Amino acid sequence: MARNIALETISMKVLAACKYRAEGCPETRPLGSSMVAHEMQCCFRLYKCFAGKCSWNGPAHNILGHMESNHKERVFLGSEKVFKIKNIGNRKDMDMMYLFSCFSREFWVKFIYKEAETSFFGAVQYIGQKDVATKCTYSFEVKVSDDQSAKQYRYTRVTHTDVADFEMIFKSRDCFWFPINIAKCLAENDVLSVKLNIVDIGN
C-alpha cells in the first residue's frame, strides 16, 4: 500500500496533549506518538490514597495535606522510626503503610510480614520525579540492643521510584528482607525492633 505522505505530514504537525494537561502539564507529542512513558513519570500525575476505602486522588503536592487531614495516624514527620513488631513467636500476616515527610519531600513506606513466605519485607518509595529518588537512601536495621557490638542486621539502598509496584519489589527481594527464624533470635520478649532511617545524600 502506498504511503500517504501528505497525511503523514499533517499528522506530525497535529499535537496530542498529556492526559494531565488539566493539572498543568504542558507536554505535547506528535499525534500517534506514545505518551505512556511520559505520563508514567509526569510531575503533574495524580496519586491514589492507599488508606482503606478512601477514594481521594490528587497531585503529589496535595498528598501530605490529605493524609494529615484524613489519615493522621498513617503520617510520620521525620526521617527515623522504630517499628515494634509483637508476637514474633506466632506472627501472622501484617501489612503497614505510612507516609513519611522529611527533607521537604514525601515517601511511601511499606513494611509487611508474609506468613506464607515466613519473612518480613520493607521498602521506601520517593514520591516524585525518578531522578530525585536516587538522591535519598533508606535503611532498615535490626539489632538486639544499643550496644554497638550487639548482633545486628542492616539493609541499605537508594529509595525506589513511586512507579515501582511494592509487590514486585518484594517479590524480587530488592528491598529489606528478613526471615522469621532470624527475627526470633533477635527479638526481645517476643518483640522485634526494626529501625527505619531515610537519608538525604544530596546532589
N, C-alpha and C. Protein backbone atom coordinates (compact mmCIF):
# COMPACT_ATOMS: atom_id res chain seq x y z
N MET A 1 0.85 -1.18 0.00
CA MET A 1 0.00 0.00 0.00
C MET A 1 0.89 1.24 0.00
N ALA A 2 0.57 2.21 -0.86
CA ALA A 2 1.37 3.41 -0.99
C ALA A 2 1.20 4.30 0.24
N ARG A 3 2.30 4.95 0.65
CA ARG A 3 2.25 5.85 1.79
C ARG A 3 1.58 7.16 1.39
N ASN A 4 0.80 7.69 2.30
CA ASN A 4 0.15 8.98 2.07
C ASN A 4 1.02 10.04 2.76
N ILE A 5 1.99 10.55 2.03
CA ILE A 5 2.95 11.49 2.59
C ILE A 5 2.27 12.75 3.13
N ALA A 6 1.27 13.22 2.40
CA ALA A 6 0.58 14.45 2.82
C ALA A 6 -0.10 14.25 4.18
N LEU A 7 -0.76 13.09 4.32
CA LEU A 7 -1.45 12.79 5.58
C LEU A 7 -0.46 12.62 6.72
N GLU A 8 0.67 11.97 6.43
CA GLU A 8 1.69 11.77 7.46
C GLU A 8 2.26 13.11 7.91
N THR A 9 2.45 14.02 6.95
CA THR A 9 2.99 15.34 7.28
C THR A 9 2.03 16.11 8.17
N ILE A 10 0.74 16.02 7.86
CA ILE A 10 -0.28 16.71 8.66
C ILE A 10 -0.32 16.13 10.07
N SER A 11 -0.26 14.79 10.18
CA SER A 11 -0.36 14.14 11.49
C SER A 11 0.83 14.51 12.38
N MET A 12 2.00 14.75 11.73
CA MET A 12 3.18 15.12 12.50
C MET A 12 3.04 16.54 13.07
N LYS A 13 2.20 17.34 12.43
CA LYS A 13 2.01 18.71 12.89
C LYS A 13 0.92 18.82 13.93
N VAL A 14 0.05 17.81 14.00
CA VAL A 14 -1.03 17.80 14.99
C VAL A 14 -0.45 17.23 16.30
N LEU A 15 -0.59 17.96 17.38
CA LEU A 15 -0.01 17.56 18.64
C LEU A 15 -1.05 17.02 19.62
N ALA A 16 -0.69 15.96 20.31
CA ALA A 16 -1.55 15.38 21.34
C ALA A 16 -1.02 15.82 22.70
N ALA A 17 -1.92 16.16 23.60
CA ALA A 17 -1.52 16.64 24.92
C ALA A 17 -1.46 15.50 25.94
N CYS A 18 -0.66 15.69 26.96
CA CYS A 18 -0.60 14.75 28.09
C CYS A 18 -1.97 14.71 28.76
N LYS A 19 -2.34 13.55 29.27
CA LYS A 19 -3.66 13.42 29.91
C LYS A 19 -3.76 14.23 31.20
N TYR A 20 -2.61 14.75 31.69
CA TYR A 20 -2.62 15.57 32.90
C TYR A 20 -2.54 17.06 32.56
N ARG A 21 -2.97 17.40 31.36
CA ARG A 21 -2.92 18.80 30.93
C ARG A 21 -3.76 19.69 31.85
N ALA A 22 -4.91 19.18 32.28
CA ALA A 22 -5.79 19.96 33.15
C ALA A 22 -5.13 20.28 34.49
N GLU A 23 -4.15 19.44 34.88
CA GLU A 23 -3.41 19.66 36.13
C GLU A 23 -2.22 20.60 35.94
N GLY A 24 -1.95 20.96 34.67
CA GLY A 24 -0.89 21.92 34.40
C GLY A 24 0.25 21.43 33.54
N CYS A 25 0.21 20.18 33.07
CA CYS A 25 1.32 19.66 32.26
C CYS A 25 1.29 20.26 30.85
N PRO A 26 2.41 20.83 30.40
CA PRO A 26 2.46 21.45 29.08
C PRO A 26 2.94 20.49 27.98
N GLU A 27 3.26 19.24 28.35
CA GLU A 27 3.86 18.30 27.40
C GLU A 27 2.92 17.97 26.23
N THR A 28 3.49 18.00 25.02
CA THR A 28 2.76 17.59 23.82
C THR A 28 3.65 16.70 22.97
N ARG A 29 3.04 15.84 22.20
CA ARG A 29 3.77 14.95 21.29
C ARG A 29 3.02 14.89 19.96
N PRO A 30 3.72 14.60 18.84
CA PRO A 30 3.04 14.44 17.56
C PRO A 30 1.96 13.37 17.66
N LEU A 31 0.83 13.59 17.03
CA LEU A 31 -0.28 12.66 17.06
C LEU A 31 0.19 11.28 16.61
N GLY A 32 -0.11 10.27 17.39
CA GLY A 32 0.31 8.90 17.06
C GLY A 32 1.53 8.47 17.83
N SER A 33 2.27 9.44 18.40
CA SER A 33 3.43 9.09 19.22
C SER A 33 2.97 8.63 20.60
N SER A 34 3.72 7.74 21.19
CA SER A 34 3.35 7.23 22.51
C SER A 34 3.63 8.25 23.60
N MET A 35 2.64 8.45 24.47
CA MET A 35 2.78 9.36 25.58
C MET A 35 2.89 8.59 26.90
N VAL A 36 2.86 7.25 26.81
CA VAL A 36 2.81 6.40 28.00
C VAL A 36 4.00 6.63 28.93
N ALA A 37 5.22 6.59 28.37
CA ALA A 37 6.42 6.75 29.19
C ALA A 37 6.41 8.08 29.92
N HIS A 38 6.00 9.13 29.23
CA HIS A 38 5.95 10.45 29.87
C HIS A 38 4.90 10.48 30.97
N GLU A 39 3.71 9.98 30.68
CA GLU A 39 2.60 10.05 31.65
C GLU A 39 2.89 9.25 32.91
N MET A 40 3.68 8.18 32.80
CA MET A 40 4.05 7.40 33.98
C MET A 40 4.94 8.20 34.93
N GLN A 41 5.73 9.15 34.36
CA GLN A 41 6.66 9.94 35.15
C GLN A 41 6.23 11.40 35.29
N CYS A 42 5.11 11.75 34.68
CA CYS A 42 4.68 13.15 34.64
C CYS A 42 4.60 13.74 36.06
N CYS A 43 5.21 14.90 36.26
CA CYS A 43 5.22 15.50 37.60
C CYS A 43 3.85 16.07 37.97
N PHE A 44 2.91 16.06 37.03
CA PHE A 44 1.55 16.53 37.31
C PHE A 44 0.57 15.36 37.48
N ARG A 45 1.09 14.13 37.45
CA ARG A 45 0.21 12.97 37.52
C ARG A 45 -0.51 12.91 38.86
N LEU A 46 -1.63 12.17 38.89
CA LEU A 46 -2.44 12.06 40.09
C LEU A 46 -2.12 10.78 40.85
N TYR A 47 -2.21 10.86 42.15
CA TYR A 47 -1.92 9.72 43.03
C TYR A 47 -3.19 9.29 43.74
N LYS A 48 -3.31 7.99 43.97
CA LYS A 48 -4.44 7.47 44.74
C LYS A 48 -4.04 7.34 46.20
N CYS A 49 -5.00 7.50 47.08
CA CYS A 49 -4.75 7.31 48.50
C CYS A 49 -4.76 5.82 48.81
N PHE A 50 -3.80 5.35 49.60
CA PHE A 50 -3.69 3.93 49.90
C PHE A 50 -4.55 3.51 51.08
N ALA A 51 -5.11 4.46 51.81
CA ALA A 51 -5.80 4.15 53.06
C ALA A 51 -7.21 3.60 52.84
N GLY A 52 -7.39 2.33 53.21
CA GLY A 52 -8.71 1.71 53.23
C GLY A 52 -9.55 1.97 52.00
N LYS A 53 -10.77 2.46 52.22
CA LYS A 53 -11.71 2.69 51.14
C LYS A 53 -11.70 4.13 50.67
N CYS A 54 -10.70 4.88 51.05
CA CYS A 54 -10.61 6.29 50.66
C CYS A 54 -10.53 6.40 49.14
N SER A 55 -11.35 7.27 48.57
CA SER A 55 -11.39 7.41 47.11
C SER A 55 -10.62 8.63 46.62
N TRP A 56 -9.90 9.31 47.52
CA TRP A 56 -9.18 10.52 47.12
C TRP A 56 -8.10 10.23 46.11
N ASN A 57 -7.91 11.15 45.17
CA ASN A 57 -6.73 11.13 44.30
C ASN A 57 -6.39 12.58 43.98
N GLY A 58 -5.09 12.85 43.85
CA GLY A 58 -4.68 14.22 43.60
C GLY A 58 -3.19 14.30 43.31
N PRO A 59 -2.69 15.49 43.06
CA PRO A 59 -1.27 15.68 42.71
C PRO A 59 -0.37 15.48 43.93
N ALA A 60 0.91 15.26 43.66
CA ALA A 60 1.88 14.97 44.72
C ALA A 60 1.90 16.04 45.81
N HIS A 61 1.80 17.30 45.42
CA HIS A 61 1.92 18.37 46.42
C HIS A 61 0.72 18.44 47.36
N ASN A 62 -0.35 17.69 47.09
CA ASN A 62 -1.51 17.69 47.97
C ASN A 62 -1.60 16.44 48.84
N ILE A 63 -0.68 15.49 48.64
CA ILE A 63 -0.76 14.22 49.37
C ILE A 63 -0.61 14.43 50.87
N LEU A 64 0.39 15.18 51.30
CA LEU A 64 0.63 15.37 52.73
C LEU A 64 -0.58 16.02 53.40
N GLY A 65 -1.13 17.05 52.78
CA GLY A 65 -2.29 17.73 53.34
C GLY A 65 -3.48 16.78 53.49
N HIS A 66 -3.71 15.97 52.47
CA HIS A 66 -4.81 15.00 52.54
C HIS A 66 -4.59 13.99 53.66
N MET A 67 -3.37 13.45 53.74
CA MET A 67 -3.08 12.43 54.74
C MET A 67 -3.17 13.00 56.16
N GLU A 68 -2.67 14.21 56.38
CA GLU A 68 -2.74 14.81 57.71
C GLU A 68 -4.17 15.12 58.12
N SER A 69 -5.01 15.45 57.14
CA SER A 69 -6.40 15.79 57.45
C SER A 69 -7.28 14.56 57.63
N ASN A 70 -6.96 13.48 56.94
CA ASN A 70 -7.86 12.32 56.92
C ASN A 70 -7.28 11.03 57.49
N HIS A 71 -5.96 10.90 57.49
CA HIS A 71 -5.33 9.65 57.95
C HIS A 71 -4.09 9.98 58.77
N LYS A 72 -4.25 10.84 59.76
CA LYS A 72 -3.10 11.35 60.51
C LYS A 72 -2.28 10.23 61.15
N GLU A 73 -2.96 9.12 61.51
CA GLU A 73 -2.25 8.02 62.14
C GLU A 73 -1.29 7.31 61.19
N ARG A 74 -1.42 7.58 59.89
CA ARG A 74 -0.54 6.99 58.88
C ARG A 74 0.57 7.93 58.45
N VAL A 75 0.68 9.09 59.09
CA VAL A 75 1.67 10.09 58.70
C VAL A 75 2.77 10.16 59.76
N PHE A 76 4.02 10.20 59.31
CA PHE A 76 5.14 10.35 60.23
C PHE A 76 6.01 11.49 59.73
N LEU A 77 6.19 12.51 60.57
CA LEU A 77 7.02 13.66 60.22
C LEU A 77 8.41 13.45 60.80
N GLY A 78 9.34 13.08 59.95
CA GLY A 78 10.70 12.79 60.40
C GLY A 78 11.32 11.72 59.52
N SER A 79 12.60 11.47 59.74
CA SER A 79 13.32 10.52 58.88
C SER A 79 13.63 9.19 59.56
N GLU A 80 13.32 9.08 60.87
CA GLU A 80 13.61 7.84 61.59
C GLU A 80 12.39 7.36 62.36
N LYS A 81 12.18 6.06 62.35
CA LYS A 81 11.09 5.47 63.12
C LYS A 81 11.46 4.04 63.48
N VAL A 82 11.11 3.65 64.70
CA VAL A 82 11.34 2.27 65.14
C VAL A 82 10.00 1.54 65.18
N PHE A 83 9.91 0.48 64.41
CA PHE A 83 8.71 -0.36 64.41
C PHE A 83 8.88 -1.43 65.48
N LYS A 84 7.88 -1.58 66.34
CA LYS A 84 7.89 -2.61 67.36
C LYS A 84 6.91 -3.70 66.93
N ILE A 85 7.46 -4.83 66.50
CA ILE A 85 6.63 -5.92 65.99
C ILE A 85 6.45 -6.98 67.08
N LYS A 86 5.20 -7.17 67.51
CA LYS A 86 4.92 -8.10 68.60
C LYS A 86 4.59 -9.50 68.08
N ASN A 87 4.49 -10.44 69.00
CA ASN A 87 4.10 -11.82 68.69
C ASN A 87 4.99 -12.47 67.63
N ILE A 88 6.28 -12.26 67.75
CA ILE A 88 7.21 -12.83 66.78
C ILE A 88 7.15 -14.36 66.79
N GLY A 89 6.90 -14.93 67.95
CA GLY A 89 6.85 -16.39 68.05
C GLY A 89 5.66 -17.00 67.34
N ASN A 90 4.62 -16.20 67.11
CA ASN A 90 3.42 -16.69 66.41
C ASN A 90 2.90 -15.60 65.49
N ARG A 91 3.78 -15.07 64.66
CA ARG A 91 3.48 -13.92 63.81
C ARG A 91 2.55 -14.32 62.65
N LYS A 92 1.47 -13.52 62.50
CA LYS A 92 0.54 -13.69 61.38
C LYS A 92 0.83 -12.61 60.34
N ASP A 93 0.13 -12.69 59.20
CA ASP A 93 0.31 -11.70 58.15
C ASP A 93 0.14 -10.28 58.71
N MET A 94 0.97 -9.37 58.22
CA MET A 94 0.96 -7.99 58.69
C MET A 94 1.21 -7.08 57.49
N ASP A 95 0.53 -5.94 57.46
CA ASP A 95 0.70 -5.01 56.35
C ASP A 95 0.58 -3.58 56.89
N MET A 96 1.69 -2.87 56.92
CA MET A 96 1.70 -1.49 57.41
C MET A 96 2.21 -0.57 56.31
N MET A 97 1.53 0.56 56.14
CA MET A 97 1.98 1.53 55.15
C MET A 97 1.82 2.93 55.72
N TYR A 98 2.84 3.75 55.51
CA TYR A 98 2.86 5.10 56.05
C TYR A 98 3.31 6.10 55.00
N LEU A 99 3.00 7.36 55.27
CA LEU A 99 3.57 8.47 54.51
C LEU A 99 4.59 9.13 55.42
N PHE A 100 5.86 9.16 55.00
CA PHE A 100 6.91 9.86 55.74
C PHE A 100 7.16 11.20 55.06
N SER A 101 7.34 12.24 55.85
CA SER A 101 7.67 13.55 55.32
C SER A 101 8.94 14.05 55.99
N CYS A 102 9.99 14.24 55.20
CA CYS A 102 11.27 14.73 55.72
C CYS A 102 12.07 15.33 54.57
N PHE A 103 12.97 16.25 54.89
CA PHE A 103 13.81 16.93 53.88
C PHE A 103 12.97 17.64 52.82
N SER A 104 11.76 18.10 53.22
CA SER A 104 10.83 18.77 52.29
C SER A 104 10.41 17.83 51.15
N ARG A 105 10.38 16.53 51.44
CA ARG A 105 9.98 15.52 50.48
C ARG A 105 9.06 14.51 51.15
N GLU A 106 8.31 13.77 50.33
CA GLU A 106 7.43 12.75 50.87
C GLU A 106 7.80 11.37 50.34
N PHE A 107 7.56 10.36 51.17
CA PHE A 107 7.92 8.99 50.84
C PHE A 107 6.80 8.03 51.27
N TRP A 108 6.55 7.02 50.45
CA TRP A 108 5.68 5.91 50.86
C TRP A 108 6.58 4.88 51.54
N VAL A 109 6.15 4.39 52.67
CA VAL A 109 6.88 3.35 53.39
C VAL A 109 5.95 2.16 53.60
N LYS A 110 6.37 1.00 53.14
CA LYS A 110 5.55 -0.20 53.31
C LYS A 110 6.39 -1.27 54.01
N PHE A 111 5.82 -1.84 55.07
CA PHE A 111 6.51 -2.84 55.88
C PHE A 111 5.51 -3.97 56.15
N ILE A 112 5.84 -5.19 55.71
CA ILE A 112 4.88 -6.29 55.81
C ILE A 112 5.54 -7.57 56.33
N TYR A 113 4.67 -8.48 56.74
CA TYR A 113 5.12 -9.84 57.04
C TYR A 113 4.21 -10.80 56.29
N LYS A 114 4.83 -11.73 55.53
CA LYS A 114 4.07 -12.73 54.78
C LYS A 114 4.29 -14.09 55.43
N GLU A 115 3.23 -14.59 56.05
CA GLU A 115 3.34 -15.87 56.74
C GLU A 115 3.69 -16.99 55.77
N ALA A 116 3.17 -16.94 54.55
CA ALA A 116 3.42 -17.98 53.56
C ALA A 116 4.90 -18.02 53.16
N GLU A 117 5.58 -16.88 53.26
CA GLU A 117 7.00 -16.81 52.90
C GLU A 117 7.89 -16.71 54.13
N THR A 118 7.28 -16.77 55.30
CA THR A 118 7.98 -16.70 56.60
C THR A 118 9.04 -15.59 56.62
N SER A 119 8.66 -14.43 56.10
CA SER A 119 9.64 -13.33 56.02
C SER A 119 8.98 -11.96 56.15
N PHE A 120 9.78 -11.01 56.65
CA PHE A 120 9.39 -9.61 56.68
C PHE A 120 9.97 -8.94 55.43
N PHE A 121 9.26 -7.94 54.91
CA PHE A 121 9.73 -7.17 53.76
C PHE A 121 9.47 -5.69 54.04
N GLY A 122 10.38 -4.84 53.61
CA GLY A 122 10.19 -3.41 53.78
C GLY A 122 10.82 -2.64 52.63
N ALA A 123 10.18 -1.55 52.23
CA ALA A 123 10.72 -0.74 51.14
C ALA A 123 10.21 0.69 51.26
N VAL A 124 10.94 1.62 50.65
CA VAL A 124 10.58 3.04 50.68
C VAL A 124 10.58 3.58 49.26
N GLN A 125 9.51 4.27 48.89
CA GLN A 125 9.40 4.91 47.59
C GLN A 125 9.44 6.43 47.75
N TYR A 126 10.21 7.09 46.89
CA TYR A 126 10.17 8.55 46.85
C TYR A 126 9.00 8.97 45.98
N ILE A 127 8.21 9.92 46.45
CA ILE A 127 7.06 10.40 45.69
C ILE A 127 7.49 11.59 44.84
N GLY A 128 7.60 11.37 43.54
CA GLY A 128 8.02 12.45 42.65
C GLY A 128 8.86 11.95 41.50
N GLN A 129 9.69 12.83 40.97
CA GLN A 129 10.47 12.53 39.78
C GLN A 129 11.49 11.43 40.01
N LYS A 130 11.67 10.60 38.99
CA LYS A 130 12.55 9.44 39.08
C LYS A 130 13.99 9.81 39.43
N ASP A 131 14.50 10.89 38.86
CA ASP A 131 15.90 11.25 39.09
C ASP A 131 16.16 11.72 40.52
N VAL A 132 15.13 12.18 41.22
CA VAL A 132 15.28 12.63 42.60
C VAL A 132 15.34 11.44 43.55
N ALA A 133 14.72 10.33 43.17
CA ALA A 133 14.70 9.13 44.03
C ALA A 133 16.11 8.66 44.36
N THR A 134 17.05 8.87 43.45
CA THR A 134 18.43 8.42 43.67
C THR A 134 19.19 9.32 44.63
N LYS A 135 18.59 10.42 45.05
CA LYS A 135 19.26 11.35 45.96
C LYS A 135 18.98 11.04 47.42
N CYS A 136 18.21 9.98 47.65
CA CYS A 136 17.90 9.58 49.01
C CYS A 136 18.12 8.07 49.17
N THR A 137 18.48 7.66 50.36
CA THR A 137 18.61 6.23 50.65
C THR A 137 17.73 5.89 51.85
N TYR A 138 17.42 4.61 51.97
CA TYR A 138 16.72 4.15 53.17
C TYR A 138 17.43 2.93 53.72
N SER A 139 17.31 2.74 55.01
CA SER A 139 17.90 1.56 55.63
C SER A 139 16.96 1.02 56.70
N PHE A 140 16.89 -0.30 56.77
CA PHE A 140 16.19 -0.98 57.86
C PHE A 140 17.26 -1.67 58.69
N GLU A 141 17.16 -1.53 59.98
CA GLU A 141 18.17 -2.11 60.86
C GLU A 141 17.49 -2.87 62.00
N VAL A 142 18.00 -4.06 62.25
CA VAL A 142 17.51 -4.88 63.36
C VAL A 142 18.70 -5.21 64.25
N LYS A 143 18.58 -4.91 65.53
CA LYS A 143 19.64 -5.29 66.45
C LYS A 143 19.06 -5.49 67.85
N VAL A 144 19.78 -6.25 68.66
CA VAL A 144 19.26 -6.62 69.97
C VAL A 144 19.26 -5.45 70.94
N SER A 145 20.29 -4.62 70.92
CA SER A 145 20.38 -3.51 71.87
C SER A 145 21.15 -2.36 71.25
N ASP A 146 21.34 -1.29 72.02
CA ASP A 146 22.08 -0.12 71.54
C ASP A 146 23.59 -0.35 71.57
N ASP A 147 24.01 -1.44 72.15
CA ASP A 147 25.42 -1.79 72.20
C ASP A 147 25.93 -2.03 70.78
N GLN A 148 26.97 -1.31 70.38
CA GLN A 148 27.50 -1.42 69.01
C GLN A 148 28.00 -2.83 68.69
N SER A 149 28.35 -3.60 69.72
CA SER A 149 28.86 -4.95 69.48
C SER A 149 27.74 -5.99 69.44
N ALA A 150 26.50 -5.53 69.63
CA ALA A 150 25.37 -6.47 69.65
C ALA A 150 25.10 -7.03 68.26
N LYS A 151 24.45 -8.19 68.22
CA LYS A 151 24.09 -8.79 66.94
C LYS A 151 23.13 -7.86 66.20
N GLN A 152 23.39 -7.67 64.90
CA GLN A 152 22.52 -6.79 64.16
C GLN A 152 22.51 -7.14 62.67
N TYR A 153 21.47 -6.64 62.00
CA TYR A 153 21.33 -6.82 60.55
C TYR A 153 20.91 -5.48 59.98
N ARG A 154 21.54 -5.05 58.88
CA ARG A 154 21.23 -3.76 58.29
C ARG A 154 21.16 -3.88 56.77
N TYR A 155 20.14 -3.25 56.19
CA TYR A 155 19.98 -3.24 54.73
C TYR A 155 19.82 -1.79 54.29
N THR A 156 20.57 -1.39 53.26
CA THR A 156 20.51 -0.01 52.75
C THR A 156 20.49 0.00 51.23
N ARG A 157 19.72 0.91 50.65
CA ARG A 157 19.72 1.13 49.21
C ARG A 157 19.06 2.47 48.91
N VAL A 158 19.19 2.95 47.66
CA VAL A 158 18.52 4.20 47.28
C VAL A 158 17.02 3.96 47.26
N THR A 159 16.26 5.02 47.49
CA THR A 159 14.81 4.87 47.51
C THR A 159 14.29 4.47 46.13
N HIS A 160 13.23 3.70 46.12
CA HIS A 160 12.60 3.26 44.88
C HIS A 160 11.79 4.42 44.29
N THR A 161 11.53 4.36 43.00
CA THR A 161 10.65 5.34 42.37
C THR A 161 9.20 4.98 42.71
N ASP A 162 8.31 5.95 42.63
CA ASP A 162 6.93 5.69 43.01
C ASP A 162 6.12 4.98 41.92
N VAL A 163 6.74 4.72 40.77
CA VAL A 163 6.04 3.95 39.74
C VAL A 163 6.30 2.46 39.91
N ALA A 164 7.24 2.12 40.78
CA ALA A 164 7.53 0.70 41.05
C ALA A 164 6.43 0.13 41.93
N ASP A 165 6.01 -1.08 41.65
CA ASP A 165 4.96 -1.74 42.42
C ASP A 165 5.58 -2.41 43.65
N PHE A 166 5.02 -2.15 44.83
CA PHE A 166 5.59 -2.73 46.04
C PHE A 166 5.63 -4.26 45.98
N GLU A 167 4.58 -4.86 45.47
CA GLU A 167 4.56 -6.32 45.40
C GLU A 167 5.68 -6.87 44.52
N MET A 168 5.96 -6.18 43.42
CA MET A 168 7.06 -6.60 42.55
C MET A 168 8.40 -6.38 43.24
N ILE A 169 8.51 -5.31 44.00
CA ILE A 169 9.75 -5.05 44.75
C ILE A 169 9.99 -6.17 45.74
N PHE A 170 8.94 -6.54 46.48
CA PHE A 170 9.08 -7.60 47.48
C PHE A 170 9.35 -8.96 46.83
N LYS A 171 8.71 -9.19 45.70
CA LYS A 171 8.90 -10.46 45.00
C LYS A 171 10.34 -10.60 44.52
N SER A 172 10.93 -9.50 44.07
CA SER A 172 12.31 -9.53 43.57
C SER A 172 13.32 -9.54 44.71
N ARG A 173 12.85 -9.22 45.92
CA ARG A 173 13.71 -9.09 47.11
C ARG A 173 14.77 -7.99 46.97
N ASP A 174 14.46 -7.02 46.14
CA ASP A 174 15.33 -5.85 46.01
C ASP A 174 14.88 -4.83 47.07
N CYS A 175 14.99 -5.26 48.33
CA CYS A 175 14.44 -4.49 49.44
C CYS A 175 14.92 -5.10 50.75
N PHE A 176 14.44 -4.58 51.85
CA PHE A 176 14.70 -5.21 53.15
C PHE A 176 13.94 -6.53 53.20
N TRP A 177 14.65 -7.60 53.49
CA TRP A 177 14.05 -8.94 53.54
C TRP A 177 14.64 -9.65 54.74
N PHE A 178 13.77 -10.12 55.65
CA PHE A 178 14.24 -10.65 56.92
C PHE A 178 13.44 -11.89 57.32
N PRO A 179 14.05 -13.06 57.29
CA PRO A 179 13.35 -14.31 57.62
C PRO A 179 12.92 -14.36 59.09
N ILE A 180 11.80 -14.97 59.37
CA ILE A 180 11.25 -15.04 60.71
C ILE A 180 12.14 -15.83 61.66
N ASN A 181 12.85 -16.85 61.15
CA ASN A 181 13.70 -17.64 62.05
C ASN A 181 14.83 -16.80 62.64
N ILE A 182 15.35 -15.85 61.86
CA ILE A 182 16.38 -14.95 62.37
C ILE A 182 15.74 -13.90 63.28
N ALA A 183 14.53 -13.46 62.90
CA ALA A 183 13.82 -12.48 63.72
C ALA A 183 13.59 -13.01 65.13
N LYS A 184 13.28 -14.28 65.24
CA LYS A 184 13.04 -14.88 66.55
C LYS A 184 14.31 -14.84 67.40
N CYS A 185 15.45 -14.97 66.76
CA CYS A 185 16.72 -14.94 67.50
C CYS A 185 17.05 -13.54 68.01
N LEU A 186 16.60 -12.52 67.28
CA LEU A 186 16.91 -11.14 67.65
C LEU A 186 15.79 -10.44 68.42
N ALA A 187 14.65 -11.10 68.55
CA ALA A 187 13.53 -10.50 69.29
C ALA A 187 13.81 -10.53 70.79
N GLU A 188 13.29 -9.54 71.47
CA GLU A 188 13.40 -9.48 72.93
C GLU A 188 12.00 -9.50 73.51
N ASN A 189 11.73 -10.49 74.37
CA ASN A 189 10.39 -10.64 74.96
C ASN A 189 9.31 -10.74 73.89
N ASP A 190 9.64 -11.46 72.83
CA ASP A 190 8.72 -11.71 71.71
C ASP A 190 8.40 -10.45 70.91
N VAL A 191 9.26 -9.44 71.03
CA VAL A 191 9.08 -8.20 70.28
C VAL A 191 10.33 -7.91 69.45
N LEU A 192 10.13 -7.67 68.16
CA LEU A 192 11.24 -7.35 67.26
C LEU A 192 11.24 -5.85 67.00
N SER A 193 12.39 -5.20 67.21
CA SER A 193 12.53 -3.77 66.94
C SER A 193 13.24 -3.57 65.60
N VAL A 194 12.58 -2.87 64.70
CA VAL A 194 13.14 -2.60 63.38
C VAL A 194 13.20 -1.09 63.18
N LYS A 195 14.39 -0.57 63.00
CA LYS A 195 14.57 0.88 62.82
C LYS A 195 14.68 1.23 61.35
N LEU A 196 13.85 2.18 60.94
CA LEU A 196 13.91 2.70 59.56
C LEU A 196 14.55 4.07 59.59
N ASN A 197 15.47 4.31 58.67
CA ASN A 197 16.13 5.60 58.56
C ASN A 197 16.20 6.02 57.10
N ILE A 198 15.70 7.21 56.80
CA ILE A 198 15.76 7.77 55.45
C ILE A 198 16.82 8.87 55.46
N VAL A 199 17.73 8.85 54.49
CA VAL A 199 18.84 9.81 54.47
C VAL A 199 18.86 10.57 53.14
N ASP A 200 19.05 11.86 53.23
CA ASP A 200 19.23 12.72 52.04
C ASP A 200 20.72 12.74 51.72
N ILE A 201 21.11 12.14 50.59
CA ILE A 201 22.53 12.08 50.25
C ILE A 201 22.94 13.21 49.32
N GLY A 202 22.03 14.13 49.07
CA GLY A 202 22.36 15.35 48.32
C GLY A 202 22.37 15.16 46.83
N ASN A 203 22.99 16.11 46.15
CA ASN A 203 23.00 16.14 44.68
C ASN A 203 23.91 15.06 44.11
